[in-house]
């Protein structure tokens, strides 16, 4: 049984695979599903929720790092995806209040060994916000602040420090996913990229789909902004076989205001 750590390993999600193969294929999605607000009109949650879970079900990833998930949305996803369990808490009370950055995982393939969530602030063990962030931000998988550039930069540093500290004794292979609200040339992404590999840029097969992941529910306009990412450890036993931006649509609409990104990883490759 092989141990891996998924998505914001700073979040301390230690996973044990139920298989024992020499090499293992692991698929990972990062997906900002958009919170439930009535002001979204025809794109409100009740009108698209089956499209969100249908997409997840079709691609059958081992792991889904989600953002902007309210508690009732989390319950709906779990009801629709029977084999998936989750870790994560609401960011406003450490329980069920506020948005989750939950990680869903296929419980038929993986067991959780250790897990935790922390806040993106100088006091990460308590509900808190800092660095000019507009709202509380957490790391289970993550969603950086949309307003404060300082908060995004410091959040990236904090998560990389957590990963480094976690790996001081055991060199776990790491997967890091999230909506970073930052472009590839912005400081937070540059910092993470100095310590981890962007799965899109090292994919064995050419990346499929646009680099842009923000669509704003605007079907008739070209999406703008690469802000959703999957990173993997440098120098570890990962091979990124495929990477895609999933632009699935229905009735000239998108399931969310973000496109999910997906990586197919091979674990166990000798370097």
C-alpha atoms as a PDB file:
ATOM      1  CA  UNK A   1       0.000   0.000   0.000  1.00  0.00           C
ATOM      2  CA  UNK A   2       1.548   3.292  -1.144  1.00  0.00           C
ATOM      3  CA  UNK A   3       1.218   6.597   0.693  1.00  0.00           C
ATOM      4  CA  UNK A   4       0.668   9.837  -1.181  1.00  0.00           C
ATOM      5  CA  UNK A   5      -0.226  13.322  -0.082  1.00  0.00           C
ATOM      6  CA  UNK A   6      -2.737  15.253  -2.143  1.00  0.00           C
ATOM      7  CA  UNK A   7      -3.486  18.877  -2.806  1.00  0.00           C
ATOM      8  CA  UNK A   8      -2.103  21.330  -0.402  1.00  0.00           C
ATOM      9  CA  UNK A   9      -0.194  18.844   1.369  1.00  0.00           C
ATOM     10  CA  UNK A  10       0.141  21.615   3.777  1.00  0.00           C
ATOM     11  CA  UNK A  11      -3.430  20.635   4.478  1.00  0.00           C
ATOM     12  CA  UNK A  12      -2.080  17.321   5.738  1.00  0.00           C
ATOM     13  CA  UNK A  13      -4.217  15.038   3.650  1.00  0.00           C
ATOM     14  CA  UNK A  14      -2.255  11.806   3.786  1.00  0.00           C
ATOM     15  CA  UNK A  15      -3.770   9.207   1.502  1.00  0.00           C
ATOM     16  CA  UNK A  16      -3.124   5.494   1.319  1.00  0.00           C
ATOM     17  CA  UNK A  17      -3.805   3.854  -2.013  1.00  0.00           C
ATOM     18  CA  UNK A  18      -5.729   0.575  -1.846  1.00  0.00           C
ATOM     19  CA  UNK A  19      -3.781  -0.797  -4.765  1.00  0.00           C
ATOM     20  CA  UNK A  20      -0.246  -2.128  -4.647  1.00  0.00           C
ATOM     21  CA  UNK A  21       0.945  -1.770  -8.221  1.00  0.00           C
ATOM     22  CA  UNK A  22       4.476  -0.714  -9.123  1.00  0.00           C
ATOM     23  CA  UNK A  23       3.065   2.216 -11.061  1.00  0.00           C
ATOM     24  CA  UNK A  24      -0.282   3.841 -10.513  1.00  0.00           C
ATOM     25  CA  UNK A  25      -2.386   6.246 -12.571  1.00  0.00           C
ATOM     26  CA  UNK A  26      -3.985   9.011 -10.524  1.00  0.00           C
ATOM     27  CA  UNK A  27      -6.279  11.625 -12.039  1.00  0.00           C
ATOM     28  CA  UNK A  28      -6.799  14.961 -10.313  1.00  0.00           C
ATOM     29  CA  UNK A  29      -9.221  17.814 -10.988  1.00  0.00           C
ATOM     30  CA  UNK A  30      -9.203  21.337  -9.574  1.00  0.00           C
ATOM     31  CA  UNK A  31     -12.657  22.917  -9.886  1.00  0.00           C
ATOM     32  CA  UNK A  32     -14.070  26.197  -8.598  1.00  0.00           C
ATOM     33  CA  UNK A  33     -17.766  25.284  -8.716  1.00  0.00           C
ATOM     34  CA  UNK A  34     -19.055  28.824  -7.946  1.00  0.00           C
ATOM     35  CA  UNK A  35     -20.984  29.383  -4.733  1.00  0.00           C
ATOM     36  CA  UNK A  36     -24.784  29.481  -4.632  1.00  0.00           C
ATOM     37  CA  UNK A  37     -26.056  33.042  -5.134  1.00  0.00           C
ATOM     38  CA  UNK A  38     -29.432  33.977  -6.569  1.00  0.00           C
ATOM     39  CA  UNK A  39     -27.912  36.942  -8.399  1.00  0.00           C
ATOM     40  CA  UNK A  40     -26.411  34.461 -10.887  1.00  0.00           C
ATOM     41  CA  UNK A  41     -29.857  34.226 -12.469  1.00  0.00           C
ATOM     42  CA  UNK A  42     -29.959  31.545 -15.140  1.00  0.00           C
ATOM     43  CA  UNK A  43     -26.554  30.346 -13.922  1.00  0.00           C
ATOM     44  CA  UNK A  44     -27.642  29.929 -10.286  1.00  0.00           C
ATOM     45  CA  UNK A  45     -26.677  26.698  -8.534  1.00  0.00           C
ATOM     46  CA  UNK A  46     -30.080  24.983  -8.780  1.00  0.00           C
ATOM     47  CA  UNK A  47     -30.027  25.403 -12.558  1.00  0.00           C
ATOM     48  CA  UNK A  48     -26.583  23.859 -13.057  1.00  0.00           C
ATOM     49  CA  UNK A  49     -25.836  21.605 -10.093  1.00  0.00           C
ATOM     50  CA  UNK A  50     -26.493  18.385 -12.020  1.00  0.00           C
ATOM     51  CA  UNK A  51     -24.080  19.617 -14.715  1.00  0.00           C
ATOM     52  CA  UNK A  52     -21.343  20.110 -12.120  1.00  0.00           C
ATOM     53  CA  UNK A  53     -21.733  16.640 -10.639  1.00  0.00           C
ATOM     54  CA  UNK A  54     -22.279  15.116 -14.087  1.00  0.00           C
ATOM     55  CA  UNK A  55     -18.911  16.455 -15.182  1.00  0.00           C
ATOM     56  CA  UNK A  56     -17.245  15.079 -12.066  1.00  0.00           C
ATOM     57  CA  UNK A  57     -18.898  11.701 -12.524  1.00  0.00           C
ATOM     58  CA  UNK A  58     -17.955  11.431 -16.201  1.00  0.00           C
ATOM     59  CA  UNK A  59     -14.241  12.105 -15.728  1.00  0.00           C
ATOM     60  CA  UNK A  60     -14.039   9.870 -12.621  1.00  0.00           C
ATOM     61  CA  UNK A  61     -11.007  11.536 -11.024  1.00  0.00           C
ATOM     62  CA  UNK A  62      -9.347  10.017  -8.000  1.00  0.00           C
ATOM     63  CA  UNK A  63      -9.340  13.455  -6.380  1.00  0.00           C
ATOM     64  CA  UNK A  64     -11.239  16.713  -6.857  1.00  0.00           C
ATOM     65  CA  UNK A  65      -9.961  19.883  -5.232  1.00  0.00           C
ATOM     66  CA  UNK A  66     -12.979  22.187  -5.087  1.00  0.00           C
ATOM     67  CA  UNK A  67     -13.448  25.848  -4.246  1.00  0.00           C
ATOM     68  CA  UNK A  68     -16.432  28.042  -3.251  1.00  0.00           C
ATOM     69  CA  UNK A  69     -18.405  25.095  -1.904  1.00  0.00           C
ATOM     70  CA  UNK A  70     -21.186  25.994   0.540  1.00  0.00           C
ATOM     71  CA  UNK A  71     -22.375  23.325   2.950  1.00  0.00           C
ATOM     72  CA  UNK A  72     -25.577  22.476   1.071  1.00  0.00           C
ATOM     73  CA  UNK A  73     -23.584  22.265  -2.163  1.00  0.00           C
ATOM     74  CA  UNK A  74     -21.171  19.857  -0.498  1.00  0.00           C
ATOM     75  CA  UNK A  75     -24.070  17.675   0.643  1.00  0.00           C
ATOM     76  CA  UNK A  76     -25.504  17.620  -2.887  1.00  0.00           C
ATOM     77  CA  UNK A  77     -22.181  16.577  -4.409  1.00  0.00           C
ATOM     78  CA  UNK A  78     -21.804  13.775  -1.864  1.00  0.00           C
ATOM     79  CA  UNK A  79     -25.338  12.567  -2.554  1.00  0.00           C
ATOM     80  CA  UNK A  80     -24.717  12.493  -6.293  1.00  0.00           C
ATOM     81  CA  UNK A  81     -21.231  10.956  -6.127  1.00  0.00           C
ATOM     82  CA  UNK A  82     -21.863   7.971  -3.889  1.00  0.00           C
ATOM     83  CA  UNK A  83     -18.329   6.585  -3.879  1.00  0.00           C
ATOM     84  CA  UNK A  84     -16.706   9.906  -2.984  1.00  0.00           C
ATOM     85  CA  UNK A  85     -15.902  11.091   0.516  1.00  0.00           C
ATOM     86  CA  UNK A  86     -14.423  14.462   1.448  1.00  0.00           C
ATOM     87  CA  UNK A  87     -12.218  16.356   3.833  1.00  0.00           C
ATOM     88  CA  UNK A  88     -12.540  20.029   4.631  1.00  0.00           C
ATOM     89  CA  UNK A  89     -14.394  22.533   6.821  1.00  0.00           C
ATOM     90  CA  UNK A  90     -16.213  25.820   6.397  1.00  0.00           C
ATOM     91  CA  UNK A  91     -13.785  28.708   6.498  1.00  0.00           C
ATOM     92  CA  UNK A  92     -15.854  30.908   8.817  1.00  0.00           C
ATOM     93  CA  UNK A  93     -16.100  28.598  11.840  1.00  0.00           C
ATOM     94  CA  UNK A  94     -13.975  25.536  11.113  1.00  0.00           C
ATOM     95  CA  UNK A  95     -17.163  23.481  10.864  1.00  0.00           C
ATOM     96  CA  UNK A  96     -19.975  24.145   8.375  1.00  0.00           C
ATOM     97  CA  UNK A  97     -20.188  27.944   8.063  1.00  0.00           C
ATOM     98  CA  UNK A  98     -18.822  29.689   4.999  1.00  0.00           C
ATOM     99  CA  UNK A  99     -17.235  28.292   1.870  1.00  0.00           C
ATOM    100  CA  UNK A 100     -15.291  25.037   1.867  1.00  0.00           C
ATOM    101  CA  UNK A 101     -12.213  24.320  -0.210  1.00  0.00           C
ATOM    102  CA  UNK A 102     -13.036  20.651   0.110  1.00  0.00           C
ATOM    103  CA  UNK A 103     -11.113  17.760  -1.366  1.00  0.00           C
ATOM    104  CA  UNK A 104     -13.307  14.932  -2.625  1.00  0.00           C
ATOM    105  CA  UNK A 105     -11.656  11.554  -3.115  1.00  0.00           C
ATOM    106  CA  UNK A 106     -12.746   8.187  -4.466  1.00  0.00           C
ATOM    107  CA  UNK A 107     -13.158   6.167  -1.280  1.00  0.00           C
ATOM    108  CA  UNK A 108     -13.149   2.909  -3.244  1.00  0.00           C
ATOM    109  CA  UNK A 109      -9.524   3.557  -4.200  1.00  0.00           C
ATOM    110  CA  UNK A 110      -8.074   5.601  -1.342  1.00  0.00           C
ATOM    111  CA  UNK A 111      -8.118   5.837   2.452  1.00  0.00           C
ATOM    112  CA  UNK A 112      -7.370   8.981   4.435  1.00  0.00           C
ATOM    113  CA  UNK A 113      -4.574   8.483   6.952  1.00  0.00           C
ATOM    114  CA  UNK A 114      -4.103  12.064   8.191  1.00  0.00           C
ATOM    115  CA  UNK A 115      -5.931  15.281   7.339  1.00  0.00           C
ATOM    116  CA  UNK A 116      -6.250  18.868   8.516  1.00  0.00           C
ATOM    117  CA  UNK A 117      -7.218  22.372   7.394  1.00  0.00           C
ATOM    118  CA  UNK A 118      -5.477  25.639   8.259  1.00  0.00           C
ATOM    119  CA  UNK A 119      -6.124  29.324   7.665  1.00  0.00           C
ATOM    120  CA  UNK A 120      -4.019  31.506   5.405  1.00  0.00           C
ATOM    121  CA  UNK A 121      -2.778  33.950   8.009  1.00  0.00           C
ATOM    122  CA  UNK A 122      -0.021  34.302  10.623  1.00  0.00           C
ATOM    123  CA  UNK A 123      -2.340  32.369  12.989  1.00  0.00           C
ATOM    124  CA  UNK A 124      -3.131  29.381  10.768  1.00  0.00           C
ATOM    125  CA  UNK A 125      -4.591  27.191  13.515  1.00  0.00           C
ATOM    126  CA  UNK A 126      -7.493  29.553  14.247  1.00  0.00           C
ATOM    127  CA  UNK A 127     -10.251  31.078  12.128  1.00  0.00           C
ATOM    128  CA  UNK A 128      -8.568  34.214  10.819  1.00  0.00           C
ATOM    129  CA  UNK A 129      -7.711  36.437   7.880  1.00  0.00           C
ATOM    130  CA  UNK A 130      -4.702  38.654   7.249  1.00  0.00           C
ATOM    131  CA  UNK A 131      -2.554  40.595   4.804  1.00  0.00           C
ATOM    132  CA  UNK A 132      -5.508  42.695   3.641  1.00  0.00           C
ATOM    133  CA  UNK A 133      -7.571  39.689   2.557  1.00  0.00           C
ATOM    134  CA  UNK A 134     -11.210  40.462   1.933  1.00  0.00           C
ATOM    135  CA  UNK A 135     -12.469  37.315   3.688  1.00  0.00           C
ATOM    136  CA  UNK A 136     -11.220  34.278   5.571  1.00  0.00           C
ATOM    137  CA  UNK A 137      -9.125  32.017   3.358  1.00  0.00           C
ATOM    138  CA  UNK A 138      -8.238  28.409   4.111  1.00  0.00           C
ATOM    139  CA  UNK A 139      -6.051  25.599   2.916  1.00  0.00           C
ATOM    140  CA  UNK A 140      -7.549  22.160   2.521  1.00  0.00           C
ATOM    141  CA  UNK A 141      -7.110  22.632  -1.139  1.00  0.00           C
ATOM    142  CA  UNK A 142      -7.112  26.390  -1.584  1.00  0.00           C
ATOM    143  CA  UNK A 143      -8.636  29.553  -2.995  1.00  0.00           C
ATOM    144  CA  UNK A 144      -6.462  32.667  -2.696  1.00  0.00           C
ATOM    145  CA  UNK A 145      -7.929  36.080  -1.970  1.00  0.00           C
ATOM    146  CA  UNK A 146      -9.302  37.936  -4.978  1.00  0.00           C
ATOM    147  CA  UNK A 147      -8.620  41.414  -3.608  1.00  0.00           C
ATOM    148  CA  UNK A 148      -5.232  41.563  -1.903  1.00  0.00           C
ATOM    149  CA  UNK A 149      -2.057  40.885  -3.878  1.00  0.00           C
ATOM    150  CA  UNK A 150      -0.155  40.761  -0.587  1.00  0.00           C
ATOM    151  CA  UNK A 151      -2.491  38.074   0.738  1.00  0.00           C
ATOM    152  CA  UNK A 152      -1.977  35.972  -2.387  1.00  0.00           C
ATOM    153  CA  UNK A 153       1.809  36.290  -2.156  1.00  0.00           C
ATOM    154  CA  UNK A 154       1.937  35.502   1.565  1.00  0.00           C
ATOM    155  CA  UNK A 155      -0.507  32.610   1.188  1.00  0.00           C
ATOM    156  CA  UNK A 156       1.770  31.010  -1.407  1.00  0.00           C
ATOM    157  CA  UNK A 157       4.760  31.401   0.902  1.00  0.00           C
ATOM    158  CA  UNK A 158       2.887  29.925   3.863  1.00  0.00           C
ATOM    159  CA  UNK A 159       1.741  26.860   1.938  1.00  0.00           C
ATOM    160  CA  UNK A 160       5.203  26.199   0.547  1.00  0.00           C
ATOM    161  CA  UNK A 161       6.638  26.494   4.083  1.00  0.00           C
ATOM    162  CA  UNK A 162       4.058  23.985   5.323  1.00  0.00           C
ATOM    163  CA  UNK A 163       4.951  21.551   2.572  1.00  0.00           C
ATOM    164  CA  UNK A 164       8.667  21.963   3.264  1.00  0.00           C
ATOM    165  CA  UNK A 165       8.163  21.370   6.994  1.00  0.00           C
ATOM    166  CA  UNK A 166       6.012  18.319   6.342  1.00  0.00           C
ATOM    167  CA  UNK A 167       8.698  16.850   4.124  1.00  0.00           C
ATOM    168  CA  UNK A 168      11.641  17.369   6.466  1.00  0.00           C
ATOM    169  CA  UNK A 169      11.446  13.775   7.712  1.00  0.00           C
ATOM    170  CA  UNK A 170       9.672  11.902   4.913  1.00  0.00           C
ATOM    171  CA  UNK A 171       9.858  12.906   1.275  1.00  0.00           C
ATOM    172  CA  UNK A 172       6.235  12.480   0.286  1.00  0.00           C
ATOM    173  CA  UNK A 173       5.262  13.118  -3.339  1.00  0.00           C
ATOM    174  CA  UNK A 174       2.992  16.148  -3.328  1.00  0.00           C
ATOM    175  CA  UNK A 175       0.074  17.381  -5.426  1.00  0.00           C
ATOM    176  CA  UNK A 176      -1.026  20.994  -4.942  1.00  0.00           C
ATOM    177  CA  UNK A 177      -4.233  22.346  -6.534  1.00  0.00           C
ATOM    178  CA  UNK A 178      -6.349  25.449  -6.350  1.00  0.00           C
ATOM    179  CA  UNK A 179      -7.742  28.705  -7.637  1.00  0.00           C
ATOM    180  CA  UNK A 180      -4.854  31.082  -6.955  1.00  0.00           C
ATOM    181  CA  UNK A 181      -6.502  34.190  -8.456  1.00  0.00           C
ATOM    182  CA  UNK A 182      -3.128  34.866 -10.070  1.00  0.00           C
ATOM    183  CA  UNK A 183      -1.607  34.609 -13.524  1.00  0.00           C
ATOM    184  CA  UNK A 184       1.455  32.426 -14.282  1.00  0.00           C
ATOM    185  CA  UNK A 185       3.714  35.492 -14.240  1.00  0.00           C
ATOM    186  CA  UNK A 186       2.354  36.849 -10.942  1.00  0.00           C
ATOM    187  CA  UNK A 187       4.410  36.560  -7.756  1.00  0.00           C
ATOM    188  CA  UNK A 188       2.390  33.788  -6.031  1.00  0.00           C
ATOM    189  CA  UNK A 189       2.539  31.447  -9.033  1.00  0.00           C
ATOM    190  CA  UNK A 190       6.189  32.253  -9.707  1.00  0.00           C
ATOM    191  CA  UNK A 191       7.003  31.383  -6.089  1.00  0.00           C
ATOM    192  CA  UNK A 192       5.116  28.092  -6.173  1.00  0.00           C
ATOM    193  CA  UNK A 193       6.647  27.254  -9.562  1.00  0.00           C
ATOM    194  CA  UNK A 194      10.132  27.724  -8.127  1.00  0.00           C
ATOM    195  CA  UNK A 195       9.449  24.867  -5.705  1.00  0.00           C
ATOM    196  CA  UNK A 196       6.991  22.682  -7.628  1.00  0.00           C
ATOM    197  CA  UNK A 197       6.235  21.797 -11.257  1.00  0.00           C
ATOM    198  CA  UNK A 198       3.188  23.199 -13.014  1.00  0.00           C
ATOM    199  CA  UNK A 199       1.466  20.072 -14.356  1.00  0.00           C
ATOM    200  CA  UNK A 200       0.424  21.877 -17.522  1.00  0.00           C
ATOM    201  CA  UNK A 201       3.980  22.797 -18.490  1.00  0.00           C
ATOM    202  CA  UNK A 202       5.497  19.336 -17.936  1.00  0.00           C
ATOM    203  CA  UNK A 203       2.708  17.230 -19.437  1.00  0.00           C
ATOM    204  CA  UNK A 204       4.040  14.412 -21.641  1.00  0.00           C
ATOM    205  CA  UNK A 205       1.209  14.947 -24.113  1.00  0.00           C
ATOM    206  CA  UNK A 206       0.552  18.511 -25.313  1.00  0.00           C
ATOM    207  CA  UNK A 207      -1.935  20.222 -22.970  1.00  0.00           C
ATOM    208  CA  UNK A 208      -5.507  20.016 -24.227  1.00  0.00           C
ATOM    209  CA  UNK A 209      -7.641  23.154 -24.259  1.00  0.00           C
ATOM    210  CA  UNK A 210      -7.017  26.802 -23.587  1.00  0.00           C
ATOM    211  CA  UNK A 211      -4.668  27.974 -20.870  1.00  0.00           C
ATOM    212  CA  UNK A 212      -7.412  30.376 -19.709  1.00  0.00           C
ATOM    213  CA  UNK A 213      -9.689  29.044 -16.977  1.00  0.00           C
ATOM    214  CA  UNK A 214     -11.933  32.001 -16.079  1.00  0.00           C
ATOM    215  CA  UNK A 215     -15.078  32.195 -18.244  1.00  0.00           C
ATOM    216  CA  UNK A 216     -17.390  34.294 -16.063  1.00  0.00           C
ATOM    217  CA  UNK A 217     -20.401  32.342 -17.408  1.00  0.00           C
ATOM    218  CA  UNK A 218     -19.938  34.297 -20.656  1.00  0.00           C
ATOM    219  CA  UNK A 219     -20.363  31.681 -23.336  1.00  0.00           C
ATOM    220  CA  UNK A 220     -20.090  34.108 -26.245  1.00  0.00           C
ATOM    221  CA  UNK A 221     -16.798  35.630 -25.076  1.00  0.00           C
ATOM    222  CA  UNK A 222     -13.278  34.275 -25.117  1.00  0.00           C
ATOM    223  CA  UNK A 223     -12.259  33.153 -21.607  1.00  0.00           C
ATOM    224  CA  UNK A 224      -9.543  35.221 -19.979  1.00  0.00           C
ATOM    225  CA  UNK A 225      -7.068  34.470 -17.247  1.00  0.00           C
ATOM    226  CA  UNK A 226      -5.188  31.357 -16.179  1.00  0.00           C
ATOM    227  CA  UNK A 227      -5.896  31.246 -12.438  1.00  0.00           C
ATOM    228  CA  UNK A 228      -6.564  27.551 -11.707  1.00  0.00           C
ATOM    229  CA  UNK A 229      -3.641  25.169 -11.225  1.00  0.00           C
ATOM    230  CA  UNK A 230      -2.345  21.702 -10.479  1.00  0.00           C
ATOM    231  CA  UNK A 231       1.255  21.453  -9.245  1.00  0.00           C
ATOM    232  CA  UNK A 232       3.345  18.379  -8.447  1.00  0.00           C
ATOM    233  CA  UNK A 233       6.596  17.843  -6.561  1.00  0.00           C
ATOM    234  CA  UNK A 234       9.857  18.530  -8.336  1.00  0.00           C
ATOM    235  CA  UNK A 235      12.201  15.565  -8.497  1.00  0.00           C
ATOM    236  CA  UNK A 236       9.629  13.132  -7.179  1.00  0.00           C
ATOM    237  CA  UNK A 237       8.147   9.997  -8.690  1.00  0.00           C
ATOM    238  CA  UNK A 238       5.455  11.772 -10.735  1.00  0.00           C
ATOM    239  CA  UNK A 239       5.026  11.787 -14.471  1.00  0.00           C
ATOM    240  CA  UNK A 240       2.322  14.087 -15.809  1.00  0.00           C
ATOM    241  CA  UNK A 241       0.872  12.060 -18.644  1.00  0.00           C
ATOM    242  CA  UNK A 242      -1.917  14.446 -19.688  1.00  0.00           C
ATOM    243  CA  UNK A 243      -3.258  17.876 -18.773  1.00  0.00           C
ATOM    244  CA  UNK A 244      -6.522  19.474 -19.905  1.00  0.00           C
ATOM    245  CA  UNK A 245      -8.697  22.511 -19.385  1.00  0.00           C
ATOM    246  CA  UNK A 246     -12.208  21.039 -19.466  1.00  0.00           C
ATOM    247  CA  UNK A 247     -14.462  23.390 -21.421  1.00  0.00           C
ATOM    248  CA  UNK A 248     -17.615  21.239 -21.247  1.00  0.00           C
ATOM    249  CA  UNK A 249     -20.834  23.166 -21.878  1.00  0.00           C
ATOM    250  CA  UNK A 250     -24.593  22.655 -22.219  1.00  0.00           C
ATOM    251  CA  UNK A 251     -27.272  24.781 -23.929  1.00  0.00           C
ATOM    252  CA  UNK A 252     -24.656  27.484 -24.542  1.00  0.00           C
ATOM    253  CA  UNK A 253     -23.871  27.631 -20.832  1.00  0.00           C
ATOM    254  CA  UNK A 254     -21.018  26.484 -18.612  1.00  0.00           C
ATOM    255  CA  UNK A 255     -21.348  24.410 -15.428  1.00  0.00           C
ATOM    256  CA  UNK A 256     -19.367  27.076 -13.519  1.00  0.00           C
ATOM    257  CA  UNK A 257     -17.706  30.444 -14.031  1.00  0.00           C
ATOM    258  CA  UNK A 258     -14.375  28.575 -13.970  1.00  0.00           C
ATOM    259  CA  UNK A 259     -13.257  25.748 -16.215  1.00  0.00           C
ATOM    260  CA  UNK A 260     -11.949  22.807 -14.217  1.00  0.00           C
ATOM    261  CA  UNK A 261      -8.403  21.668 -14.957  1.00  0.00           C
ATOM    262  CA  UNK A 262      -7.426  18.007 -14.940  1.00  0.00           C
ATOM    263  CA  UNK A 263      -4.127  16.143 -14.805  1.00  0.00           C
ATOM    264  CA  UNK A 264      -3.494  12.439 -15.304  1.00  0.00           C
ATOM    265  CA  UNK A 265      -0.450  11.482 -13.248  1.00  0.00           C
ATOM    266  CA  UNK A 266       1.652   8.342 -13.149  1.00  0.00           C
ATOM    267  CA  UNK A 267       3.014   7.612  -9.703  1.00  0.00           C
ATOM    268  CA  UNK A 268       5.982   5.302  -9.265  1.00  0.00           C
ATOM    269  CA  UNK A 269       8.069   6.303 -12.265  1.00  0.00           C
ATOM    270  CA  UNK A 270      11.786   5.875 -11.662  1.00  0.00           C
ATOM    271  CA  UNK A 271      13.680   9.109 -12.203  1.00  0.00           C
END
